N, C-alpha and C. Protein backbone atom coordinates (compact mmCIF):
# COMPACT_ATOMS: atom_id res chain seq x y z
N MET A 1 -4.79 -23.64 100.78
CA MET A 1 -6.12 -24.21 100.68
C MET A 1 -7.13 -23.14 100.30
N GLU A 2 -8.03 -23.50 99.49
CA GLU A 2 -9.08 -22.57 99.03
C GLU A 2 -10.04 -22.25 100.15
N ALA A 3 -10.54 -21.00 100.19
CA ALA A 3 -11.51 -20.62 101.22
C ALA A 3 -12.79 -21.42 101.06
N LYS A 4 -13.38 -21.83 102.15
CA LYS A 4 -14.62 -22.56 102.11
C LYS A 4 -15.80 -21.60 102.23
N SER A 5 -16.23 -21.12 101.10
CA SER A 5 -17.25 -20.05 101.10
C SER A 5 -18.60 -20.51 100.65
N ALA A 6 -18.73 -21.69 100.03
CA ALA A 6 -20.01 -22.15 99.57
C ALA A 6 -20.57 -23.17 100.57
N LYS A 7 -21.79 -22.99 100.96
CA LYS A 7 -22.44 -23.97 101.86
C LYS A 7 -23.36 -24.82 100.98
N VAL A 8 -23.19 -26.15 101.12
CA VAL A 8 -23.93 -27.07 100.31
C VAL A 8 -24.62 -28.02 101.32
N GLN A 9 -25.94 -28.10 101.21
CA GLN A 9 -26.71 -29.03 102.07
C GLN A 9 -27.23 -30.21 101.21
N ILE A 10 -27.04 -31.43 101.72
CA ILE A 10 -27.56 -32.60 101.00
C ILE A 10 -28.26 -33.51 101.96
N MET A 11 -29.13 -34.33 101.38
CA MET A 11 -29.82 -35.31 102.17
C MET A 11 -29.23 -36.69 101.74
N ILE A 12 -28.75 -37.46 102.72
CA ILE A 12 -28.25 -38.76 102.43
C ILE A 12 -28.74 -39.77 103.42
N GLU A 13 -28.71 -41.05 103.05
CA GLU A 13 -29.23 -42.11 103.89
C GLU A 13 -28.38 -42.26 105.17
N PRO A 14 -29.02 -42.65 106.26
CA PRO A 14 -28.27 -42.86 107.52
C PRO A 14 -27.12 -43.86 107.35
N SER A 15 -27.31 -44.88 106.53
CA SER A 15 -26.26 -45.87 106.30
C SER A 15 -25.02 -45.26 105.70
N LEU A 16 -25.22 -44.30 104.79
CA LEU A 16 -24.08 -43.65 104.16
C LEU A 16 -23.41 -42.68 105.14
N VAL A 17 -24.19 -42.07 106.00
CA VAL A 17 -23.63 -41.19 107.05
C VAL A 17 -22.77 -42.06 107.95
N ALA A 18 -23.21 -43.26 108.30
CA ALA A 18 -22.48 -44.12 109.15
C ALA A 18 -21.16 -44.52 108.46
N ARG A 19 -21.17 -44.83 107.16
CA ARG A 19 -19.93 -45.16 106.43
C ARG A 19 -18.98 -44.01 106.40
N ILE A 20 -19.49 -42.81 106.23
CA ILE A 20 -18.64 -41.60 106.22
C ILE A 20 -18.00 -41.45 107.62
N ASP A 21 -18.85 -41.56 108.64
CA ASP A 21 -18.30 -41.43 109.99
C ASP A 21 -17.29 -42.50 110.36
N ASP A 22 -17.51 -43.75 109.90
CA ASP A 22 -16.53 -44.80 110.15
C ASP A 22 -15.20 -44.44 109.43
N TRP A 23 -15.27 -43.97 108.23
CA TRP A 23 -14.08 -43.61 107.48
C TRP A 23 -13.39 -42.46 108.19
N ARG A 24 -14.20 -41.48 108.64
CA ARG A 24 -13.68 -40.31 109.35
C ARG A 24 -12.84 -40.74 110.58
N PHE A 25 -13.42 -41.62 111.35
CA PHE A 25 -12.70 -42.04 112.61
C PHE A 25 -11.49 -42.87 112.32
N GLU A 26 -11.64 -43.78 111.32
CA GLU A 26 -10.50 -44.65 110.94
C GLU A 26 -9.34 -43.82 110.42
N ASN A 27 -9.62 -42.69 109.81
CA ASN A 27 -8.60 -41.83 109.21
C ASN A 27 -8.31 -40.58 110.04
N ARG A 28 -8.85 -40.56 111.24
CA ARG A 28 -8.60 -39.43 112.16
C ARG A 28 -8.80 -38.08 111.56
N VAL A 29 -9.96 -37.96 110.89
CA VAL A 29 -10.37 -36.68 110.26
C VAL A 29 -11.15 -35.91 111.30
N GLY A 30 -10.91 -34.60 111.40
CA GLY A 30 -11.45 -33.76 112.44
C GLY A 30 -13.00 -33.61 112.53
N SER A 31 -13.63 -33.60 111.31
CA SER A 31 -15.03 -33.31 111.29
C SER A 31 -15.68 -34.11 110.12
N ARG A 32 -16.99 -34.30 110.21
CA ARG A 32 -17.73 -34.94 109.15
C ARG A 32 -17.60 -34.12 107.85
N SER A 33 -17.70 -32.79 107.97
CA SER A 33 -17.61 -31.94 106.77
C SER A 33 -16.26 -32.16 106.08
N GLU A 34 -15.19 -32.17 106.91
CA GLU A 34 -13.86 -32.35 106.34
C GLU A 34 -13.74 -33.71 105.66
N ALA A 35 -14.31 -34.72 106.30
CA ALA A 35 -14.30 -36.04 105.73
C ALA A 35 -15.04 -36.10 104.37
N MET A 36 -16.19 -35.47 104.37
CA MET A 36 -16.96 -35.47 103.08
C MET A 36 -16.21 -34.75 102.00
N ARG A 37 -15.58 -33.57 102.31
CA ARG A 37 -14.79 -32.87 101.33
C ARG A 37 -13.65 -33.73 100.81
N ASN A 38 -13.00 -34.43 101.77
CA ASN A 38 -11.89 -35.31 101.37
C ASN A 38 -12.34 -36.43 100.48
N LEU A 39 -13.41 -37.11 100.82
CA LEU A 39 -13.89 -38.21 100.03
C LEU A 39 -14.40 -37.75 98.68
N ILE A 40 -15.07 -36.65 98.60
CA ILE A 40 -15.55 -36.09 97.28
C ILE A 40 -14.31 -35.75 96.44
N SER A 41 -13.35 -35.11 97.00
CA SER A 41 -12.15 -34.75 96.26
C SER A 41 -11.41 -35.95 95.72
N ARG A 42 -11.31 -36.98 96.58
CA ARG A 42 -10.64 -38.21 96.16
C ARG A 42 -11.39 -38.89 95.01
N ALA A 43 -12.71 -38.94 95.11
CA ALA A 43 -13.50 -39.60 94.09
C ALA A 43 -13.37 -38.81 92.74
N MET A 44 -13.38 -37.49 92.83
CA MET A 44 -13.26 -36.69 91.60
C MET A 44 -11.88 -36.80 91.03
N ASP A 45 -10.83 -36.87 91.83
CA ASP A 45 -9.49 -37.06 91.32
C ASP A 45 -9.37 -38.43 90.62
N ALA A 46 -9.93 -39.48 91.25
CA ALA A 46 -9.91 -40.81 90.65
C ALA A 46 -10.63 -40.85 89.35
N GLU A 47 -11.80 -40.17 89.29
CA GLU A 47 -12.54 -40.13 88.01
C GLU A 47 -11.77 -39.40 86.93
N ASN A 48 -11.07 -38.30 87.30
CA ASN A 48 -10.25 -37.59 86.32
C ASN A 48 -9.16 -38.42 85.74
N GLU A 49 -8.58 -39.30 86.61
CA GLU A 49 -7.48 -40.17 86.17
C GLU A 49 -7.95 -41.29 85.30
N LYS A 50 -9.12 -41.84 85.61
CA LYS A 50 -9.64 -43.02 84.89
C LYS A 50 -10.73 -42.73 83.89
N GLY A 51 -11.27 -41.52 83.92
CA GLY A 51 -12.43 -41.21 83.13
C GLY A 51 -13.68 -41.47 83.92
N PRO A 52 -14.84 -41.15 83.43
CA PRO A 52 -16.11 -41.35 84.16
C PRO A 52 -16.18 -42.81 84.67
N ALA A 53 -16.53 -43.00 85.91
CA ALA A 53 -16.56 -44.32 86.50
C ALA A 53 -17.88 -44.58 87.19
N ALA A 54 -18.43 -45.76 87.06
CA ALA A 54 -19.63 -46.13 87.73
C ALA A 54 -19.38 -46.23 89.28
N THR A 55 -18.11 -46.37 89.68
CA THR A 55 -17.81 -46.50 91.09
C THR A 55 -18.06 -45.19 91.82
N ALA A 56 -18.16 -44.08 91.09
CA ALA A 56 -18.39 -42.82 91.76
C ALA A 56 -19.85 -42.67 92.18
N ILE A 57 -20.71 -43.59 91.78
CA ILE A 57 -22.12 -43.62 92.12
C ILE A 57 -22.33 -44.55 93.28
N ALA A 58 -23.05 -44.15 94.29
CA ALA A 58 -23.34 -45.00 95.45
C ALA A 58 -23.92 -46.33 94.94
N PRO A 59 -23.53 -47.44 95.55
CA PRO A 59 -23.98 -48.77 95.08
C PRO A 59 -25.43 -48.95 95.00
N ASP A 60 -26.22 -48.26 95.89
CA ASP A 60 -27.65 -48.51 95.86
C ASP A 60 -28.38 -47.41 94.99
N HIS A 61 -27.63 -46.72 94.18
CA HIS A 61 -28.28 -45.78 93.24
C HIS A 61 -28.06 -46.18 91.81
N GLU A 62 -29.05 -46.12 91.02
CA GLU A 62 -28.94 -46.41 89.61
C GLU A 62 -28.41 -45.21 88.83
N PRO A 63 -27.40 -45.41 88.00
CA PRO A 63 -26.93 -44.31 87.15
C PRO A 63 -27.97 -43.93 86.16
N THR A 64 -27.99 -42.64 85.82
CA THR A 64 -28.91 -42.18 84.81
C THR A 64 -28.22 -42.09 83.52
N ASN A 65 -28.92 -42.43 82.44
CA ASN A 65 -28.39 -42.34 81.13
C ASN A 65 -29.09 -41.22 80.38
N PRO A 66 -28.32 -40.23 79.88
CA PRO A 66 -28.92 -39.12 79.20
C PRO A 66 -29.60 -39.47 77.88
């Protein structure tokens, strides 16, 4: 496993935190940080397999078009 050397702080809605925590407990993940790393990695792997996907964007956020 790669060393965890970069600290990233984000602001997210309480409802999304609750969803992350629910997923964490359902999947017996040790910490919220570990759950977030796992979920981000899974989303990125899925995007790489299928190409850019709108599902990678939270449902209540509008995608931006360049």
